[in-house]
Amino acid sequence: MKVRPLTFDTLVTEIVSRVGAVDGRVRVLVDGAPAAEPGRLADAVVEPLRASGRAVRRVSAEDFLRPASVRLEHGRTDPYSYRHDWFDFHGLQREVLDPALDGKVLPSLWNAATDRASRAEYVDLPENGVVVVDGTLMLDRWLPAELTVHLWLSPGALKRKTAEEWTLPAFDDYDPVADLFVRYDHPERPGLVES
């Protein structure tokens, strides 16, 4: 296994380049533990993609949580529930990833603060549009996407950087499958794993 050293900016460039190689609408999933801040990377690719002539819609899996009655059924700190019950990945596929190919995206489904549906309206995704979704624990569920990115933290970095330590066991059996597997202990000095 070879690891190609990058900077944060060259990682962004790598993602933009890979999206540019795909014609039509593109779905990008940026996955990582909350400590890896996948939303930061997802946000960072938006402007370069727009500058390259692509329309972009940003979506977060945090806006596709399940209702509190389901998420918290076994308590607020149950790692099994966090792994299997917190995120509505079926809803994410049904409302974002599948309809994106037809030019529609629902930017959010659930408002966790009010524990109610967000009542968001579908937005258009043009023919050359890109939907960029960030989240955690997404890449072992076979969600459809043209490009997947996983930000991997070593066990030590994951433990050191995770504020909610009760979530750590949720990552023990997580085995993501990604197009870009990025070692991300140091976000300003990531490493792209090449086979």
N, C-alpha and C. Protein backbone atom coordinates (compact mmCIF):
# COMPACT_ATOMS: atom_id res chain seq x y z
N MET A 1 0.84 -1.18 0.00
CA MET A 1 0.00 0.00 0.00
C MET A 1 0.89 1.24 0.00
N LYS A 2 0.63 2.13 -0.95
CA LYS A 2 1.35 3.39 -1.02
C LYS A 2 0.44 4.51 -0.52
N VAL A 3 1.05 5.48 0.14
CA VAL A 3 0.31 6.66 0.60
C VAL A 3 0.96 7.88 -0.03
N ARG A 4 0.18 8.61 -0.82
CA ARG A 4 0.68 9.83 -1.47
C ARG A 4 0.39 11.02 -0.58
N PRO A 5 1.43 11.73 -0.12
CA PRO A 5 1.19 12.88 0.74
C PRO A 5 0.56 14.03 -0.05
N LEU A 6 -0.38 14.69 0.60
CA LEU A 6 -1.09 15.82 0.01
C LEU A 6 -1.12 16.96 1.02
N THR A 7 -1.68 18.07 0.59
CA THR A 7 -2.10 19.12 1.51
C THR A 7 -3.62 19.14 1.46
N PHE A 8 -4.23 19.88 2.35
CA PHE A 8 -5.69 20.00 2.31
C PHE A 8 -6.13 20.54 0.96
N ASP A 9 -5.42 21.56 0.45
CA ASP A 9 -5.80 22.17 -0.83
C ASP A 9 -5.63 21.21 -2.00
N THR A 10 -4.57 20.40 -1.99
CA THR A 10 -4.42 19.45 -3.09
C THR A 10 -5.42 18.30 -3.00
N LEU A 11 -5.89 17.99 -1.80
CA LEU A 11 -6.97 17.02 -1.66
C LEU A 11 -8.25 17.57 -2.29
N VAL A 12 -8.53 18.83 -2.02
CA VAL A 12 -9.69 19.48 -2.65
C VAL A 12 -9.55 19.43 -4.17
N THR A 13 -8.37 19.75 -4.67
CA THR A 13 -8.12 19.73 -6.12
C THR A 13 -8.31 18.33 -6.69
N GLU A 14 -7.87 17.32 -5.96
CA GLU A 14 -8.04 15.92 -6.40
C GLU A 14 -9.52 15.58 -6.54
N ILE A 15 -10.31 15.98 -5.56
CA ILE A 15 -11.76 15.70 -5.62
C ILE A 15 -12.40 16.43 -6.79
N VAL A 16 -12.07 17.70 -6.95
CA VAL A 16 -12.64 18.49 -8.04
C VAL A 16 -12.25 17.90 -9.38
N SER A 17 -11.01 17.44 -9.51
CA SER A 17 -10.55 16.83 -10.76
C SER A 17 -11.32 15.55 -11.06
N ARG A 18 -11.54 14.74 -10.04
CA ARG A 18 -12.27 13.48 -10.26
C ARG A 18 -13.73 13.75 -10.63
N VAL A 19 -14.33 14.76 -10.01
CA VAL A 19 -15.71 15.12 -10.39
C VAL A 19 -15.72 15.61 -11.83
N GLY A 20 -14.72 16.41 -12.21
CA GLY A 20 -14.66 16.94 -13.56
C GLY A 20 -14.53 15.87 -14.63
N ALA A 21 -14.06 14.70 -14.26
CA ALA A 21 -13.90 13.60 -15.22
C ALA A 21 -15.21 12.86 -15.48
N VAL A 22 -16.27 13.22 -14.76
CA VAL A 22 -17.56 12.54 -14.90
C VAL A 22 -18.55 13.49 -15.58
N ASP A 23 -19.16 13.04 -16.65
CA ASP A 23 -20.17 13.84 -17.34
C ASP A 23 -21.51 13.72 -16.64
N GLY A 24 -22.33 14.73 -16.78
CA GLY A 24 -23.67 14.71 -16.21
C GLY A 24 -23.67 15.00 -14.72
N ARG A 25 -24.74 14.61 -14.06
CA ARG A 25 -24.88 14.86 -12.63
C ARG A 25 -23.98 13.92 -11.84
N VAL A 26 -23.44 14.44 -10.74
CA VAL A 26 -22.49 13.67 -9.93
C VAL A 26 -22.89 13.75 -8.47
N ARG A 27 -22.87 12.59 -7.80
CA ARG A 27 -23.13 12.51 -6.36
C ARG A 27 -21.82 12.18 -5.66
N VAL A 28 -21.44 13.05 -4.71
CA VAL A 28 -20.19 12.88 -3.98
C VAL A 28 -20.51 12.69 -2.50
N LEU A 29 -19.98 11.64 -1.91
CA LEU A 29 -20.14 11.39 -0.48
C LEU A 29 -18.80 11.59 0.21
N VAL A 30 -18.77 12.49 1.20
CA VAL A 30 -17.57 12.73 1.99
C VAL A 30 -17.85 12.21 3.40
N ASP A 31 -17.17 11.13 3.76
CA ASP A 31 -17.47 10.40 4.98
C ASP A 31 -16.29 10.45 5.94
N GLY A 32 -16.61 10.51 7.21
CA GLY A 32 -15.59 10.44 8.24
C GLY A 32 -16.23 10.58 9.60
N ALA A 33 -15.52 10.16 10.62
CA ALA A 33 -16.00 10.37 11.99
C ALA A 33 -16.19 11.86 12.23
N PRO A 34 -17.09 12.25 13.12
CA PRO A 34 -17.25 13.68 13.40
C PRO A 34 -15.93 14.38 13.72
N ALA A 35 -15.01 13.67 14.36
CA ALA A 35 -13.71 14.26 14.70
C ALA A 35 -12.90 14.63 13.46
N ALA A 36 -13.17 13.98 12.32
CA ALA A 36 -12.47 14.29 11.07
C ALA A 36 -13.09 15.49 10.35
N GLU A 37 -14.23 15.94 10.82
CA GLU A 37 -14.93 17.08 10.23
C GLU A 37 -15.13 16.94 8.72
N PRO A 38 -15.86 15.90 8.29
CA PRO A 38 -16.08 15.73 6.86
C PRO A 38 -16.82 16.91 6.22
N GLY A 39 -17.62 17.62 7.00
CA GLY A 39 -18.32 18.78 6.47
C GLY A 39 -17.37 19.89 6.04
N ARG A 40 -16.25 20.01 6.71
CA ARG A 40 -15.26 21.03 6.35
C ARG A 40 -14.71 20.76 4.95
N LEU A 41 -14.37 19.50 4.67
CA LEU A 41 -13.86 19.16 3.34
C LEU A 41 -14.97 19.31 2.30
N ALA A 42 -16.17 18.85 2.62
CA ALA A 42 -17.29 18.98 1.69
C ALA A 42 -17.54 20.45 1.35
N ASP A 43 -17.50 21.31 2.35
CA ASP A 43 -17.67 22.75 2.10
C ASP A 43 -16.55 23.30 1.22
N ALA A 44 -15.34 22.80 1.44
CA ALA A 44 -14.18 23.33 0.72
C ALA A 44 -14.21 23.02 -0.78
N VAL A 45 -14.89 21.97 -1.20
CA VAL A 45 -14.93 21.64 -2.63
C VAL A 45 -16.01 22.41 -3.38
N VAL A 46 -16.91 23.06 -2.66
CA VAL A 46 -18.05 23.73 -3.32
C VAL A 46 -17.60 24.84 -4.27
N GLU A 47 -16.83 25.80 -3.79
CA GLU A 47 -16.43 26.93 -4.64
C GLU A 47 -15.55 26.51 -5.81
N PRO A 48 -14.55 25.63 -5.60
CA PRO A 48 -13.78 25.18 -6.76
C PRO A 48 -14.63 24.46 -7.81
N LEU A 49 -15.62 23.69 -7.37
CA LEU A 49 -16.52 23.04 -8.33
C LEU A 49 -17.33 24.08 -9.09
N ARG A 50 -17.83 25.08 -8.38
CA ARG A 50 -18.58 26.15 -9.06
C ARG A 50 -17.69 26.90 -10.03
N ALA A 51 -16.45 27.16 -9.63
CA ALA A 51 -15.51 27.87 -10.51
C ALA A 51 -15.22 27.06 -11.77
N SER A 52 -15.36 25.74 -11.69
CA SER A 52 -15.13 24.89 -12.86
C SER A 52 -16.38 24.78 -13.73
N GLY A 53 -17.44 25.49 -13.34
CA GLY A 53 -18.66 25.51 -14.16
C GLY A 53 -19.74 24.55 -13.73
N ARG A 54 -19.60 23.93 -12.55
CA ARG A 54 -20.60 22.99 -12.07
C ARG A 54 -21.50 23.66 -11.03
N ALA A 55 -22.79 23.42 -11.13
CA ALA A 55 -23.72 23.84 -10.08
C ALA A 55 -23.59 22.85 -8.94
N VAL A 56 -23.65 23.33 -7.69
CA VAL A 56 -23.42 22.46 -6.53
C VAL A 56 -24.54 22.63 -5.52
N ARG A 57 -25.00 21.52 -4.99
CA ARG A 57 -25.92 21.49 -3.85
C ARG A 57 -25.22 20.77 -2.71
N ARG A 58 -25.22 21.40 -1.53
CA ARG A 58 -24.59 20.81 -0.34
C ARG A 58 -25.67 20.22 0.55
N VAL A 59 -25.45 19.01 0.99
CA VAL A 59 -26.38 18.31 1.87
C VAL A 59 -25.55 17.67 2.98
N SER A 60 -26.13 17.61 4.18
CA SER A 60 -25.46 16.96 5.30
C SER A 60 -26.33 15.83 5.84
N ALA A 61 -25.69 14.71 6.14
CA ALA A 61 -26.44 13.59 6.75
C ALA A 61 -27.02 14.00 8.10
N GLU A 62 -26.44 15.02 8.73
CA GLU A 62 -26.99 15.52 10.00
C GLU A 62 -28.42 16.02 9.85
N ASP A 63 -28.81 16.37 8.63
CA ASP A 63 -30.18 16.81 8.36
C ASP A 63 -31.07 15.65 7.94
N PHE A 64 -30.55 14.44 8.09
CA PHE A 64 -31.31 13.23 7.81
C PHE A 64 -31.21 12.28 9.00
N LEU A 65 -31.36 12.85 10.18
CA LEU A 65 -31.41 12.04 11.40
C LEU A 65 -32.79 11.42 11.52
N ARG A 66 -32.86 10.37 12.27
CA ARG A 66 -34.17 9.78 12.58
C ARG A 66 -34.77 10.54 13.76
N PRO A 67 -36.07 10.43 13.97
CA PRO A 67 -36.69 11.11 15.12
C PRO A 67 -36.04 10.67 16.43
N ALA A 68 -36.07 11.54 17.41
CA ALA A 68 -35.46 11.26 18.71
C ALA A 68 -36.03 9.98 19.33
N SER A 69 -37.30 9.70 19.10
CA SER A 69 -37.91 8.50 19.68
C SER A 69 -37.23 7.23 19.17
N VAL A 70 -36.68 7.28 17.97
CA VAL A 70 -35.95 6.14 17.40
C VAL A 70 -34.48 6.22 17.78
N ARG A 71 -33.87 7.40 17.57
CA ARG A 71 -32.43 7.57 17.85
C ARG A 71 -32.08 7.27 19.29
N LEU A 72 -32.93 7.72 20.19
CA LEU A 72 -32.60 7.67 21.61
C LEU A 72 -33.36 6.59 22.37
N GLU A 73 -33.94 5.66 21.65
CA GLU A 73 -34.74 4.61 22.28
C GLU A 73 -33.95 3.84 23.35
N HIS A 74 -32.66 3.67 23.14
CA HIS A 74 -31.82 2.93 24.09
C HIS A 74 -30.93 3.86 24.90
N GLY A 75 -31.31 5.11 24.98
CA GLY A 75 -30.54 6.09 25.75
C GLY A 75 -29.76 7.02 24.84
N ARG A 76 -29.25 8.08 25.43
CA ARG A 76 -28.53 9.11 24.66
C ARG A 76 -27.09 8.74 24.35
N THR A 77 -26.59 7.70 24.97
CA THR A 77 -25.18 7.36 24.78
C THR A 77 -24.99 5.88 24.43
N ASP A 78 -25.85 5.35 23.58
CA ASP A 78 -25.74 3.95 23.17
C ASP A 78 -25.01 3.87 21.83
N PRO A 79 -23.79 3.32 21.80
CA PRO A 79 -23.03 3.28 20.55
C PRO A 79 -23.68 2.43 19.46
N TYR A 80 -24.38 1.36 19.85
CA TYR A 80 -25.07 0.55 18.84
C TYR A 80 -26.14 1.38 18.14
N SER A 81 -26.91 2.13 18.91
CA SER A 81 -27.93 2.99 18.31
C SER A 81 -27.30 4.04 17.41
N TYR A 82 -26.17 4.61 17.86
CA TYR A 82 -25.48 5.61 17.05
C TYR A 82 -25.07 5.01 15.71
N ARG A 83 -24.60 3.80 15.75
CA ARG A 83 -24.14 3.12 14.53
C ARG A 83 -25.28 2.75 13.59
N HIS A 84 -26.41 2.29 14.16
CA HIS A 84 -27.45 1.70 13.32
C HIS A 84 -28.77 2.47 13.28
N ASP A 85 -29.03 3.34 14.24
CA ASP A 85 -30.37 3.95 14.33
C ASP A 85 -30.41 5.47 14.21
N TRP A 86 -29.28 6.15 14.28
CA TRP A 86 -29.32 7.61 14.31
C TRP A 86 -29.62 8.23 12.95
N PHE A 87 -28.98 7.74 11.91
CA PHE A 87 -29.08 8.38 10.61
C PHE A 87 -30.07 7.66 9.70
N ASP A 88 -30.87 8.43 8.99
CA ASP A 88 -31.86 7.88 8.07
C ASP A 88 -31.23 7.78 6.68
N PHE A 89 -30.39 6.77 6.49
CA PHE A 89 -29.70 6.61 5.22
C PHE A 89 -30.66 6.22 4.10
N HIS A 90 -31.74 5.52 4.44
CA HIS A 90 -32.74 5.21 3.42
C HIS A 90 -33.40 6.51 2.94
N GLY A 91 -33.69 7.40 3.88
CA GLY A 91 -34.25 8.71 3.51
C GLY A 91 -33.28 9.52 2.68
N LEU A 92 -31.99 9.47 3.02
CA LEU A 92 -30.97 10.18 2.26
C LEU A 92 -30.92 9.65 0.82
N GLN A 93 -30.98 8.35 0.67
CA GLN A 93 -30.98 7.79 -0.68
C GLN A 93 -32.26 8.14 -1.43
N ARG A 94 -33.39 7.99 -0.75
CA ARG A 94 -34.70 8.22 -1.37
C ARG A 94 -34.90 9.69 -1.77
N GLU A 95 -34.43 10.63 -0.93
CA GLU A 95 -34.74 12.04 -1.14
C GLU A 95 -33.61 12.85 -1.78
N VAL A 96 -32.39 12.29 -1.77
CA VAL A 96 -31.25 13.04 -2.32
C VAL A 96 -30.55 12.26 -3.42
N LEU A 97 -30.01 11.12 -3.08
CA LEU A 97 -29.11 10.43 -4.00
C LEU A 97 -29.82 9.86 -5.23
N ASP A 98 -30.98 9.24 -5.06
CA ASP A 98 -31.70 8.71 -6.22
C ASP A 98 -32.29 9.83 -7.08
N PRO A 99 -33.04 10.79 -6.50
CA PRO A 99 -33.62 11.83 -7.35
C PRO A 99 -32.62 12.81 -7.92
N ALA A 100 -31.39 12.83 -7.40
CA ALA A 100 -30.37 13.74 -7.95
C ALA A 100 -30.14 13.45 -9.43
N LEU A 101 -30.21 12.19 -9.82
CA LEU A 101 -29.99 11.85 -11.23
C LEU A 101 -31.09 12.38 -12.12
N ASP A 102 -32.26 12.65 -11.54
CA ASP A 102 -33.36 13.24 -12.30
C ASP A 102 -33.45 14.75 -12.12
N GLY A 103 -32.49 15.33 -11.38
CA GLY A 103 -32.44 16.79 -11.28
C GLY A 103 -33.15 17.40 -10.10
N LYS A 104 -33.44 16.62 -9.07
CA LYS A 104 -34.09 17.15 -7.87
C LYS A 104 -33.36 16.65 -6.64
N VAL A 105 -33.27 17.52 -5.62
CA VAL A 105 -32.60 17.16 -4.36
C VAL A 105 -33.38 17.79 -3.21
N LEU A 106 -33.64 17.00 -2.17
CA LEU A 106 -34.24 17.55 -0.96
C LEU A 106 -33.07 17.89 -0.02
N PRO A 107 -32.85 19.18 0.28
CA PRO A 107 -31.67 19.54 1.06
C PRO A 107 -31.69 19.08 2.51
N SER A 108 -32.86 18.87 3.08
CA SER A 108 -32.94 18.37 4.46
C SER A 108 -34.27 17.67 4.66
N LEU A 109 -34.28 16.73 5.59
CA LEU A 109 -35.50 15.97 5.89
C LEU A 109 -35.97 16.19 7.31
N TRP A 110 -35.00 16.32 8.23
CA TRP A 110 -35.35 16.35 9.65
C TRP A 110 -34.61 17.46 10.37
N ASN A 111 -35.31 18.19 11.22
CA ASN A 111 -34.69 19.22 12.06
C ASN A 111 -34.52 18.62 13.45
N ALA A 112 -33.29 18.30 13.80
CA ALA A 112 -33.02 17.62 15.07
C ALA A 112 -33.33 18.53 16.26
N ALA A 113 -33.19 19.84 16.11
CA ALA A 113 -33.43 20.77 17.21
C ALA A 113 -34.90 20.78 17.61
N THR A 114 -35.79 20.74 16.62
CA THR A 114 -37.23 20.74 16.92
C THR A 114 -37.82 19.34 16.93
N ASP A 115 -37.03 18.35 16.47
CA ASP A 115 -37.48 16.97 16.32
C ASP A 115 -38.75 16.90 15.47
N ARG A 116 -38.70 17.62 14.36
CA ARG A 116 -39.81 17.66 13.41
C ARG A 116 -39.24 17.63 11.99
N ALA A 117 -40.10 17.31 11.05
CA ALA A 117 -39.70 17.37 9.65
C ALA A 117 -39.27 18.79 9.31
N SER A 118 -38.26 18.92 8.48
CA SER A 118 -37.75 20.25 8.14
C SER A 118 -38.66 21.00 7.18
N ARG A 119 -39.51 20.28 6.50
CA ARG A 119 -40.44 20.85 5.52
C ARG A 119 -39.71 21.60 4.40
N ALA A 120 -38.52 21.15 4.10
CA ALA A 120 -37.76 21.75 3.00
C ALA A 120 -38.41 21.39 1.68
N GLU A 121 -38.21 22.24 0.70
CA GLU A 121 -38.70 22.01 -0.65
C GLU A 121 -37.57 21.41 -1.49
N TYR A 122 -37.94 20.62 -2.47
CA TYR A 122 -36.95 20.12 -3.40
C TYR A 122 -36.33 21.28 -4.16
N VAL A 123 -35.04 21.15 -4.46
CA VAL A 123 -34.34 22.15 -5.27
C VAL A 123 -33.82 21.46 -6.53
N ASP A 124 -33.67 22.25 -7.57
CA ASP A 124 -33.20 21.70 -8.85
C ASP A 124 -31.71 21.44 -8.82
N LEU A 125 -31.32 20.41 -9.54
CA LEU A 125 -29.91 20.10 -9.77
C LEU A 125 -29.74 20.04 -11.28
N PRO A 126 -29.08 21.05 -11.88
CA PRO A 126 -28.94 21.08 -13.34
C PRO A 126 -28.21 19.86 -13.89
N GLU A 127 -28.24 19.74 -15.20
CA GLU A 127 -27.67 18.58 -15.89
C GLU A 127 -26.21 18.32 -15.51
N ASN A 128 -25.44 19.36 -15.28
CA ASN A 128 -24.03 19.17 -14.91
C ASN A 128 -23.81 19.35 -13.41
N GLY A 129 -24.89 19.28 -12.65
CA GLY A 129 -24.83 19.57 -11.22
C GLY A 129 -24.15 18.49 -10.40
N VAL A 130 -23.70 18.93 -9.23
CA VAL A 130 -23.03 18.04 -8.28
C VAL A 130 -23.71 18.19 -6.94
N VAL A 131 -24.07 17.08 -6.32
CA VAL A 131 -24.56 17.12 -4.95
C VAL A 131 -23.45 16.55 -4.07
N VAL A 132 -23.05 17.33 -3.07
CA VAL A 132 -21.98 16.94 -2.17
C VAL A 132 -22.59 16.70 -0.79
N VAL A 133 -22.47 15.47 -0.31
CA VAL A 133 -23.07 15.06 0.96
C VAL A 133 -21.96 14.71 1.94
N ASP A 134 -22.01 15.31 3.13
CA ASP A 134 -21.06 14.90 4.17
C ASP A 134 -21.81 14.13 5.24
N GLY A 135 -21.09 13.25 5.92
CA GLY A 135 -21.70 12.49 6.99
C GLY A 135 -20.72 11.50 7.59
N THR A 136 -21.24 10.70 8.49
CA THR A 136 -20.43 9.69 9.15
C THR A 136 -21.12 8.34 9.04
N LEU A 137 -20.33 7.29 9.01
CA LEU A 137 -20.82 5.91 8.97
C LEU A 137 -21.69 5.64 7.73
N MET A 138 -21.37 6.30 6.60
CA MET A 138 -22.19 6.17 5.38
C MET A 138 -21.68 5.12 4.40
N LEU A 139 -20.39 4.79 4.44
CA LEU A 139 -19.81 4.08 3.32
C LEU A 139 -19.72 2.57 3.47
N ASP A 140 -20.56 1.99 4.29
CA ASP A 140 -20.69 0.54 4.26
C ASP A 140 -22.16 0.17 4.04
N ARG A 141 -22.90 1.10 3.49
CA ARG A 141 -24.34 0.90 3.26
C ARG A 141 -24.69 0.89 1.78
N TRP A 142 -23.69 0.94 0.93
CA TRP A 142 -23.85 0.86 -0.52
C TRP A 142 -24.77 1.96 -1.05
N LEU A 143 -24.61 3.15 -0.53
CA LEU A 143 -25.34 4.30 -1.05
C LEU A 143 -24.79 4.62 -2.44
N PRO A 144 -25.68 4.96 -3.38
CA PRO A 144 -25.21 5.23 -4.74
C PRO A 144 -24.50 6.57 -4.83
N ALA A 145 -23.34 6.57 -5.48
CA ALA A 145 -22.56 7.80 -5.67
C ALA A 145 -21.53 7.56 -6.76
N GLU A 146 -21.17 8.64 -7.44
CA GLU A 146 -20.13 8.56 -8.45
C GLU A 146 -18.74 8.70 -7.84
N LEU A 147 -18.66 9.34 -6.67
CA LEU A 147 -17.38 9.51 -6.00
C LEU A 147 -17.59 9.44 -4.50
N THR A 148 -16.81 8.59 -3.84
CA THR A 148 -16.87 8.49 -2.38
C THR A 148 -15.49 8.76 -1.80
N VAL A 149 -15.49 9.50 -0.69
CA VAL A 149 -14.26 9.89 -0.02
C VAL A 149 -14.40 9.51 1.45
N HIS A 150 -13.42 8.79 1.98
CA HIS A 150 -13.43 8.47 3.41
C HIS A 150 -12.21 9.09 4.07
N LEU A 151 -12.46 9.85 5.13
CA LEU A 151 -11.41 10.47 5.93
C LEU A 151 -11.13 9.56 7.12
N TRP A 152 -10.03 8.81 7.05
CA TRP A 152 -9.71 7.80 8.05
C TRP A 152 -8.83 8.40 9.14
N LEU A 153 -9.23 8.16 10.37
CA LEU A 153 -8.42 8.53 11.53
C LEU A 153 -7.88 7.25 12.17
N SER A 154 -6.62 7.28 12.55
CA SER A 154 -6.06 6.14 13.27
C SER A 154 -6.81 5.99 14.60
N PRO A 155 -6.81 4.80 15.19
CA PRO A 155 -7.53 4.63 16.47
C PRO A 155 -7.10 5.64 17.52
N GLY A 156 -5.81 5.94 17.60
CA GLY A 156 -5.34 6.91 18.59
C GLY A 156 -5.87 8.31 18.32
N ALA A 157 -5.81 8.74 17.05
CA ALA A 157 -6.31 10.07 16.70
C ALA A 157 -7.81 10.15 16.88
N LEU A 158 -8.51 9.08 16.52
CA LEU A 158 -9.97 9.07 16.69
C LEU A 158 -10.33 9.24 18.16
N LYS A 159 -9.65 8.51 19.03
CA LYS A 159 -9.93 8.61 20.46
C LYS A 159 -9.56 9.99 21.01
N ARG A 160 -8.43 10.49 20.58
CA ARG A 160 -7.94 11.78 21.07
C ARG A 160 -8.84 12.94 20.63
N LYS A 161 -9.38 12.87 19.42
CA LYS A 161 -10.12 13.99 18.85
C LYS A 161 -11.63 13.90 19.06
N THR A 162 -12.13 12.77 19.53
CA THR A 162 -13.57 12.58 19.67
C THR A 162 -14.06 13.13 21.00
N ALA A 163 -14.95 14.11 20.93
CA ALA A 163 -15.50 14.72 22.14
C ALA A 163 -16.51 13.78 22.81
N GLU A 164 -17.31 13.12 22.01
CA GLU A 164 -18.34 12.20 22.52
C GLU A 164 -17.76 10.79 22.55
N GLU A 165 -16.98 10.48 23.59
CA GLU A 165 -16.27 9.21 23.65
C GLU A 165 -17.18 7.99 23.59
N TRP A 166 -18.43 8.14 24.01
CA TRP A 166 -19.36 7.01 23.98
C TRP A 166 -19.61 6.52 22.56
N THR A 167 -19.33 7.36 21.53
CA THR A 167 -19.55 6.95 20.14
C THR A 167 -18.43 6.05 19.61
N LEU A 168 -17.28 6.01 20.27
CA LEU A 168 -16.12 5.28 19.74
C LEU A 168 -16.41 3.83 19.37
N PRO A 169 -17.13 3.05 20.19
CA PRO A 169 -17.39 1.66 19.79
C PRO A 169 -18.18 1.52 18.49
N ALA A 170 -18.89 2.56 18.09
CA ALA A 170 -19.64 2.50 16.83
C ALA A 170 -18.72 2.36 15.63
N PHE A 171 -17.46 2.76 15.78
CA PHE A 171 -16.51 2.69 14.67
C PHE A 171 -15.70 1.40 14.67
N ASP A 172 -15.86 0.57 15.70
CA ASP A 172 -15.07 -0.66 15.79
C ASP A 172 -15.29 -1.60 14.61
N ASP A 173 -16.53 -1.75 14.16
CA ASP A 173 -16.82 -2.67 13.07
C ASP A 173 -17.11 -1.94 11.76
N TYR A 174 -16.81 -0.67 11.70
CA TYR A 174 -17.07 0.12 10.50
C TYR A 174 -15.98 -0.15 9.47
N ASP A 175 -16.38 -0.62 8.31
CA ASP A 175 -15.44 -0.99 7.25
C ASP A 175 -15.86 -0.28 5.96
N PRO A 176 -15.50 1.00 5.82
CA PRO A 176 -15.97 1.77 4.67
C PRO A 176 -15.31 1.34 3.37
N VAL A 177 -16.06 1.48 2.29
CA VAL A 177 -15.56 1.25 0.95
C VAL A 177 -15.61 2.60 0.24
N ALA A 178 -14.44 3.08 -0.24
CA ALA A 178 -14.39 4.43 -0.81
C ALA A 178 -13.49 4.47 -2.03
N ASP A 179 -13.80 5.39 -2.94
CA ASP A 179 -12.95 5.64 -4.10
C ASP A 179 -11.66 6.32 -3.66
N LEU A 180 -11.77 7.26 -2.75
CA LEU A 180 -10.60 7.95 -2.19
C LEU A 180 -10.55 7.65 -0.70
N PHE A 181 -9.54 6.92 -0.30
CA PHE A 181 -9.34 6.58 1.11
C PHE A 181 -8.19 7.45 1.60
N VAL A 182 -8.51 8.38 2.51
CA VAL A 182 -7.56 9.41 2.90
C VAL A 182 -7.17 9.26 4.36
N ARG A 183 -5.88 9.11 4.62
CA ARG A 183 -5.40 9.13 6.01
C ARG A 183 -5.46 10.58 6.47
N TYR A 184 -6.14 10.81 7.60
CA TYR A 184 -6.53 12.17 7.94
C TYR A 184 -6.24 12.54 9.38
N ASP A 185 -5.22 11.92 9.97
CA ASP A 185 -4.86 12.27 11.35
C ASP A 185 -4.49 13.75 11.46
N HIS A 186 -3.85 14.26 10.41
CA HIS A 186 -3.44 15.67 10.35
C HIS A 186 -4.10 16.28 9.12
N PRO A 187 -5.25 16.95 9.28
CA PRO A 187 -6.01 17.45 8.12
C PRO A 187 -5.23 18.34 7.17
N GLU A 188 -4.23 19.03 7.65
CA GLU A 188 -3.44 19.89 6.75
C GLU A 188 -2.38 19.08 6.00
N ARG A 189 -2.18 17.81 6.43
CA ARG A 189 -1.22 16.92 5.77
C ARG A 189 -1.84 15.54 5.55
N PRO A 190 -2.91 15.48 4.77
CA PRO A 190 -3.55 14.17 4.55
C PRO A 190 -2.68 13.30 3.63
N GLY A 191 -3.02 12.03 3.62
CA GLY A 191 -2.33 11.09 2.75
C GLY A 191 -3.34 10.26 1.97
N LEU A 192 -3.22 10.24 0.66
CA LEU A 192 -4.14 9.49 -0.19
C LEU A 192 -3.59 8.07 -0.35
N VAL A 193 -4.37 7.10 0.09
CA VAL A 193 -3.95 5.69 -0.01
C VAL A 193 -4.17 5.23 -1.45
N GLU A 194 -3.09 4.73 -2.06
CA GLU A 194 -3.15 4.24 -3.43
C GLU A 194 -2.84 2.76 -3.45
N SER A 195 -3.61 2.02 -4.22
CA SER A 195 -3.40 0.57 -4.26
C SER A 195 -2.34 0.18 -5.26
